């Protein structure tokens, strides 16, 4: 498992957002958190899980399941009009025509999509 430090701050943010929402909803505990992570975001699922397990101790989110959904990057080729999914490292050329005029969209997302709670 690769542990990187930038996931620590991001994971603290996830915890803060979910605890705030759960408290406002009057929840007894957080059961699960659904996360959307772009393939090009640089975030490592195992690192987020590691930090979450540590940071959530003694909170409403302790033992909550993190459910990860990866979003691909979409690359469009200006030369042939083709579109394809991509992940890091990105190819500098279109796999369909060999063109180098590419536009990348998406793949950098990182957000809490939903929170499942047990109500009080």
N, C-alpha and C. Protein backbone atom coordinates (compact mmCIF):
# COMPACT_ATOMS: atom_id res chain seq x y z
N UNK A 1 0.84 -1.17 0.00
CA UNK A 1 0.00 0.00 0.00
C UNK A 1 0.89 1.24 0.00
N UNK A 2 0.52 2.22 -0.81
CA UNK A 2 1.23 3.48 -0.89
C UNK A 2 0.49 4.49 -0.02
N UNK A 3 1.20 5.09 0.92
CA UNK A 3 0.59 6.11 1.77
C UNK A 3 1.22 7.45 1.39
N UNK A 4 0.36 8.40 0.98
CA UNK A 4 0.84 9.73 0.64
C UNK A 4 0.20 10.75 1.56
N UNK A 5 0.92 11.79 1.86
CA UNK A 5 0.50 12.75 2.86
C UNK A 5 -0.64 13.65 2.37
N UNK A 6 -0.73 13.96 1.07
CA UNK A 6 -1.78 14.89 0.66
C UNK A 6 -3.18 14.32 0.87
N UNK A 7 -3.31 13.00 0.97
CA UNK A 7 -4.61 12.41 1.27
C UNK A 7 -5.06 12.69 2.71
N UNK A 8 -4.12 13.00 3.59
CA UNK A 8 -4.48 13.29 4.98
C UNK A 8 -5.42 14.50 5.05
N UNK A 9 -5.04 15.60 4.44
CA UNK A 9 -5.87 16.80 4.47
C UNK A 9 -7.20 16.58 3.76
N UNK A 10 -7.18 15.88 2.65
CA UNK A 10 -8.40 15.59 1.91
C UNK A 10 -9.33 14.72 2.74
N UNK A 11 -8.78 13.72 3.40
CA UNK A 11 -9.59 12.83 4.22
C UNK A 11 -10.17 13.57 5.42
N UNK A 12 -9.41 14.48 6.00
CA UNK A 12 -9.95 15.30 7.08
C UNK A 12 -11.12 16.12 6.57
N UNK A 13 -11.03 16.63 5.35
CA UNK A 13 -12.13 17.37 4.74
C UNK A 13 -13.36 16.51 4.55
N UNK A 14 -13.16 15.28 4.10
CA UNK A 14 -14.28 14.34 3.94
C UNK A 14 -14.97 14.13 5.29
N UNK A 15 -14.17 13.89 6.30
CA UNK A 15 -14.71 13.65 7.63
C UNK A 15 -15.46 14.87 8.14
N UNK A 16 -14.91 16.06 7.98
CA UNK A 16 -15.56 17.28 8.44
C UNK A 16 -16.91 17.49 7.76
N UNK A 17 -16.95 17.31 6.46
CA UNK A 17 -18.19 17.49 5.69
C UNK A 17 -19.25 16.49 6.13
N UNK A 18 -18.85 15.24 6.27
CA UNK A 18 -19.83 14.21 6.62
C UNK A 18 -20.31 14.34 8.06
N UNK A 19 -19.43 14.69 8.97
CA UNK A 19 -19.85 14.88 10.37
C UNK A 19 -20.80 16.07 10.47
N UNK A 20 -20.51 17.14 9.75
CA UNK A 20 -21.38 18.31 9.76
C UNK A 20 -22.77 17.95 9.24
N UNK A 21 -22.83 17.25 8.12
CA UNK A 21 -24.12 16.84 7.55
C UNK A 21 -24.87 15.90 8.48
N UNK A 22 -24.16 14.96 9.06
CA UNK A 22 -24.80 14.00 9.97
C UNK A 22 -25.34 14.70 11.22
N UNK A 23 -24.57 15.63 11.77
CA UNK A 23 -25.03 16.36 12.95
C UNK A 23 -26.27 17.20 12.63
N UNK A 24 -26.27 17.86 11.47
CA UNK A 24 -27.42 18.66 11.07
C UNK A 24 -28.66 17.80 10.86
N UNK A 25 -28.46 16.55 10.43
CA UNK A 25 -29.58 15.63 10.20
C UNK A 25 -30.02 14.93 11.48
N UNK A 26 -29.29 15.13 12.57
CA UNK A 26 -29.61 14.47 13.83
C UNK A 26 -29.32 12.98 13.80
N UNK A 27 -28.32 12.58 13.03
CA UNK A 27 -27.98 11.16 12.88
C UNK A 27 -27.27 10.63 14.13
N UNK A 28 -27.47 9.34 14.39
CA UNK A 28 -26.76 8.67 15.48
C UNK A 28 -25.37 8.25 15.04
N UNK A 29 -25.28 7.84 13.77
CA UNK A 29 -23.97 7.44 13.24
C UNK A 29 -24.00 7.47 11.72
N UNK A 30 -22.81 7.49 11.15
CA UNK A 30 -22.65 7.44 9.70
C UNK A 30 -22.35 5.99 9.33
N UNK A 31 -23.14 5.46 8.43
CA UNK A 31 -22.98 4.06 8.02
C UNK A 31 -22.03 3.94 6.83
N UNK A 32 -22.20 4.82 5.84
CA UNK A 32 -21.37 4.73 4.63
C UNK A 32 -21.24 6.11 3.99
N UNK A 33 -20.13 6.28 3.28
CA UNK A 33 -19.86 7.51 2.54
C UNK A 33 -19.49 7.11 1.12
N UNK A 34 -20.22 7.66 0.15
CA UNK A 34 -19.93 7.39 -1.26
C UNK A 34 -19.07 8.51 -1.81
N UNK A 35 -17.91 8.14 -2.33
CA UNK A 35 -16.96 9.11 -2.87
C UNK A 35 -16.81 8.91 -4.37
N UNK A 36 -16.69 10.01 -5.10
CA UNK A 36 -16.40 9.97 -6.53
C UNK A 36 -14.99 10.54 -6.69
N UNK A 37 -14.12 9.74 -7.31
CA UNK A 37 -12.72 10.12 -7.46
C UNK A 37 -12.31 9.98 -8.93
N UNK A 38 -11.81 11.04 -9.50
CA UNK A 38 -11.35 11.00 -10.88
C UNK A 38 -10.05 10.24 -11.02
N UNK A 39 -9.91 9.55 -12.13
CA UNK A 39 -8.69 8.76 -12.40
C UNK A 39 -7.43 9.62 -12.42
N UNK A 40 -7.57 10.90 -12.72
CA UNK A 40 -6.39 11.77 -12.78
C UNK A 40 -6.22 12.64 -11.53
N UNK A 41 -7.01 12.38 -10.49
CA UNK A 41 -6.97 13.20 -9.29
C UNK A 41 -5.70 12.99 -8.47
N UNK A 42 -5.07 11.85 -8.66
CA UNK A 42 -3.88 11.54 -7.87
C UNK A 42 -4.20 10.95 -6.51
N UNK A 43 -5.47 10.78 -6.19
CA UNK A 43 -5.87 10.23 -4.91
C UNK A 43 -5.78 8.70 -4.93
N UNK A 44 -5.28 8.14 -3.84
CA UNK A 44 -5.10 6.70 -3.70
C UNK A 44 -6.13 6.18 -2.69
N UNK A 45 -7.01 5.29 -3.15
CA UNK A 45 -8.09 4.77 -2.31
C UNK A 45 -7.57 4.22 -0.97
N UNK A 46 -6.54 3.41 -1.02
CA UNK A 46 -6.00 2.80 0.20
C UNK A 46 -5.51 3.84 1.19
N UNK A 47 -4.92 4.93 0.69
CA UNK A 47 -4.44 5.98 1.58
C UNK A 47 -5.61 6.70 2.24
N UNK A 48 -6.64 6.99 1.46
CA UNK A 48 -7.81 7.64 2.01
C UNK A 48 -8.45 6.75 3.08
N UNK A 49 -8.56 5.47 2.79
CA UNK A 49 -9.15 4.53 3.76
C UNK A 49 -8.30 4.49 5.04
N UNK A 50 -6.98 4.43 4.89
CA UNK A 50 -6.07 4.38 6.04
C UNK A 50 -6.27 5.60 6.94
N UNK A 51 -6.23 6.79 6.34
CA UNK A 51 -6.40 8.01 7.12
C UNK A 51 -7.80 8.11 7.71
N UNK A 52 -8.82 7.70 6.95
CA UNK A 52 -10.19 7.76 7.45
C UNK A 52 -10.35 6.88 8.68
N UNK A 53 -9.83 5.68 8.62
CA UNK A 53 -9.92 4.77 9.77
C UNK A 53 -9.31 5.40 11.02
N UNK A 54 -8.21 6.10 10.85
CA UNK A 54 -7.53 6.75 11.97
C UNK A 54 -8.30 7.98 12.45
N UNK A 55 -8.66 8.86 11.51
CA UNK A 55 -9.28 10.13 11.88
C UNK A 55 -10.70 9.99 12.41
N UNK A 56 -11.40 8.96 12.00
CA UNK A 56 -12.81 8.83 12.38
C UNK A 56 -13.02 8.15 13.74
N UNK A 57 -11.94 7.71 14.36
CA UNK A 57 -12.08 7.07 15.68
C UNK A 57 -12.81 7.99 16.65
N UNK A 58 -13.72 7.40 17.41
CA UNK A 58 -14.48 8.12 18.44
C UNK A 58 -15.37 9.24 17.87
N UNK A 59 -15.79 9.10 16.61
CA UNK A 59 -16.74 10.04 16.00
C UNK A 59 -17.95 9.27 15.49
N UNK A 60 -18.95 9.98 15.00
CA UNK A 60 -20.12 9.34 14.40
C UNK A 60 -19.76 8.51 13.18
N UNK A 61 -18.60 8.77 12.61
CA UNK A 61 -18.20 8.08 11.38
C UNK A 61 -17.32 6.86 11.63
N UNK A 62 -17.02 6.56 12.89
CA UNK A 62 -16.18 5.40 13.17
C UNK A 62 -16.84 4.14 12.59
N UNK A 63 -16.05 3.35 11.90
CA UNK A 63 -16.49 2.11 11.24
C UNK A 63 -17.40 2.33 10.03
N UNK A 64 -17.55 3.55 9.58
CA UNK A 64 -18.34 3.80 8.36
C UNK A 64 -17.59 3.22 7.16
N UNK A 65 -18.35 2.71 6.21
CA UNK A 65 -17.75 2.17 4.98
C UNK A 65 -17.51 3.31 4.00
N UNK A 66 -16.32 3.32 3.42
CA UNK A 66 -16.05 4.24 2.31
C UNK A 66 -16.27 3.46 1.03
N UNK A 67 -17.13 3.99 0.16
CA UNK A 67 -17.40 3.34 -1.12
C UNK A 67 -16.87 4.25 -2.22
N UNK A 68 -15.87 3.74 -2.93
CA UNK A 68 -15.18 4.51 -3.95
C UNK A 68 -15.76 4.22 -5.34
N UNK A 69 -16.00 5.30 -6.10
CA UNK A 69 -16.38 5.14 -7.51
C UNK A 69 -15.42 5.99 -8.32
N UNK A 70 -14.70 5.34 -9.21
CA UNK A 70 -13.72 6.03 -10.05
C UNK A 70 -14.38 6.57 -11.32
N UNK A 71 -14.04 7.82 -11.65
CA UNK A 71 -14.52 8.46 -12.87
C UNK A 71 -13.36 8.57 -13.85
N UNK A 72 -13.54 8.07 -15.06
CA UNK A 72 -12.45 8.13 -16.03
C UNK A 72 -12.29 9.54 -16.61
N UNK A 73 -11.13 9.78 -17.13
CA UNK A 73 -10.91 10.98 -17.93
C UNK A 73 -11.34 10.63 -19.35
N UNK A 74 -11.90 11.59 -20.04
CA UNK A 74 -12.30 11.40 -21.44
C UNK A 74 -11.38 12.28 -22.28
N UNK A 75 -10.77 11.67 -23.27
CA UNK A 75 -9.88 12.39 -24.18
C UNK A 75 -10.55 12.47 -25.53
N UNK A 76 -10.62 13.68 -26.06
CA UNK A 76 -11.16 13.88 -27.40
C UNK A 76 -10.03 14.28 -28.34
N UNK A 77 -10.06 13.73 -29.54
CA UNK A 77 -9.04 14.05 -30.55
C UNK A 77 -9.60 15.10 -31.50
N UNK A 78 -8.88 16.20 -31.65
CA UNK A 78 -9.30 17.27 -32.55
C UNK A 78 -9.09 16.86 -34.01
N UNK A 79 -8.21 15.90 -34.26
CA UNK A 79 -7.91 15.50 -35.64
C UNK A 79 -8.97 14.56 -36.22
N UNK A 80 -9.35 13.51 -35.49
CA UNK A 80 -10.29 12.52 -36.04
C UNK A 80 -11.66 12.58 -35.38
N UNK A 81 -11.79 13.34 -34.28
CA UNK A 81 -13.07 13.44 -33.59
C UNK A 81 -13.34 12.28 -32.64
N UNK A 82 -12.40 11.35 -32.53
CA UNK A 82 -12.58 10.20 -31.65
C UNK A 82 -12.53 10.59 -30.19
N UNK A 83 -13.17 9.78 -29.37
CA UNK A 83 -13.15 9.97 -27.91
C UNK A 83 -12.81 8.64 -27.27
N UNK A 84 -12.04 8.69 -26.20
CA UNK A 84 -11.66 7.48 -25.49
C UNK A 84 -11.40 7.79 -24.03
N UNK A 85 -11.56 6.76 -23.18
CA UNK A 85 -11.26 6.90 -21.76
C UNK A 85 -9.76 6.78 -21.57
N UNK A 86 -9.26 7.49 -20.58
CA UNK A 86 -7.82 7.45 -20.32
C UNK A 86 -7.55 7.49 -18.83
N UNK A 87 -6.41 6.98 -18.45
CA UNK A 87 -5.93 7.07 -17.08
C UNK A 87 -4.45 7.44 -17.15
N UNK A 88 -3.90 7.82 -16.01
CA UNK A 88 -2.50 8.23 -15.97
C UNK A 88 -1.60 7.01 -16.15
N UNK A 89 -0.50 7.14 -16.83
CA UNK A 89 -0.06 8.33 -17.56
C UNK A 89 -0.79 8.45 -18.89
N UNK A 90 -1.13 9.68 -19.25
CA UNK A 90 -1.85 9.92 -20.49
C UNK A 90 -0.94 9.75 -21.69
N UNK A 91 -1.49 9.15 -22.72
CA UNK A 91 -0.75 9.01 -23.98
C UNK A 91 -0.73 10.36 -24.69
N UNK A 92 0.39 10.73 -25.31
CA UNK A 92 0.45 12.02 -26.00
C UNK A 92 -0.18 11.98 -27.40
N UNK A 93 -0.62 10.80 -27.83
CA UNK A 93 -1.23 10.69 -29.17
C UNK A 93 -2.54 9.91 -29.12
N UNK A 94 -3.39 10.18 -30.08
CA UNK A 94 -4.66 9.49 -30.21
C UNK A 94 -4.42 8.04 -30.64
N UNK A 95 -5.02 7.08 -29.95
CA UNK A 95 -4.82 5.68 -30.32
C UNK A 95 -5.54 5.31 -31.62
N UNK A 96 -6.45 6.17 -32.09
CA UNK A 96 -7.20 5.89 -33.30
C UNK A 96 -6.52 6.41 -34.55
N UNK A 97 -5.94 7.63 -34.46
CA UNK A 97 -5.35 8.20 -35.68
C UNK A 97 -3.89 8.64 -35.53
N UNK A 98 -3.38 8.62 -34.29
CA UNK A 98 -2.00 9.06 -34.05
C UNK A 98 -1.86 10.56 -33.91
N UNK A 99 -2.97 11.29 -33.99
CA UNK A 99 -2.93 12.74 -33.85
C UNK A 99 -2.52 13.17 -32.46
N UNK A 100 -1.95 14.37 -32.39
CA UNK A 100 -1.45 14.87 -31.10
C UNK A 100 -2.27 16.04 -30.57
N UNK A 101 -3.35 16.40 -31.25
CA UNK A 101 -4.18 17.51 -30.77
C UNK A 101 -5.32 16.93 -29.95
N UNK A 102 -5.07 16.80 -28.65
CA UNK A 102 -6.00 16.13 -27.74
C UNK A 102 -6.53 17.09 -26.69
N UNK A 103 -7.75 16.83 -26.24
CA UNK A 103 -8.35 17.61 -25.17
C UNK A 103 -8.85 16.64 -24.10
N UNK A 104 -8.41 16.85 -22.88
CA UNK A 104 -8.80 16.00 -21.76
C UNK A 104 -9.91 16.69 -20.98
N UNK A 105 -10.99 15.93 -20.71
CA UNK A 105 -12.06 16.44 -19.86
C UNK A 105 -12.33 15.42 -18.77
N UNK A 106 -12.67 15.91 -17.60
CA UNK A 106 -12.98 15.03 -16.48
C UNK A 106 -11.76 14.34 -15.93
N UNK A 107 -12.02 13.42 -15.02
CA UNK A 107 -10.94 12.64 -14.44
C UNK A 107 -10.25 13.27 -13.25
N UNK A 108 -10.64 14.50 -12.91
CA UNK A 108 -10.00 15.17 -11.77
C UNK A 108 -10.97 15.36 -10.60
N UNK A 109 -12.15 14.77 -10.71
CA UNK A 109 -13.18 14.92 -9.69
C UNK A 109 -12.73 14.35 -8.35
N UNK A 110 -13.24 14.96 -7.32
CA UNK A 110 -13.10 14.39 -5.97
C UNK A 110 -14.20 15.00 -5.14
N UNK A 111 -15.20 14.19 -4.79
CA UNK A 111 -16.32 14.74 -4.04
C UNK A 111 -17.02 13.65 -3.24
N UNK A 112 -17.72 14.09 -2.20
CA UNK A 112 -18.61 13.21 -1.46
C UNK A 112 -19.93 13.23 -2.22
N UNK A 113 -20.34 12.06 -2.69
CA UNK A 113 -21.57 11.98 -3.48
C UNK A 113 -22.80 11.80 -2.60
N UNK A 114 -22.67 10.96 -1.56
CA UNK A 114 -23.79 10.76 -0.65
C UNK A 114 -23.27 10.19 0.67
N UNK A 115 -24.13 10.32 1.67
CA UNK A 115 -23.82 9.83 3.01
C UNK A 115 -25.02 9.03 3.49
N UNK A 116 -24.75 7.83 3.98
CA UNK A 116 -25.81 6.99 4.56
C UNK A 116 -25.67 7.04 6.07
N UNK A 117 -26.75 7.43 6.73
CA UNK A 117 -26.70 7.58 8.19
C UNK A 117 -27.79 6.74 8.87
N UNK A 118 -27.58 6.51 10.13
CA UNK A 118 -28.61 5.92 10.99
C UNK A 118 -29.21 7.07 11.78
N UNK A 119 -30.51 7.24 11.65
CA UNK A 119 -31.16 8.37 12.32
C UNK A 119 -31.37 8.10 13.79
N UNK A 120 -31.44 9.18 14.54
CA UNK A 120 -31.64 9.02 15.99
C UNK A 120 -33.10 8.81 16.34
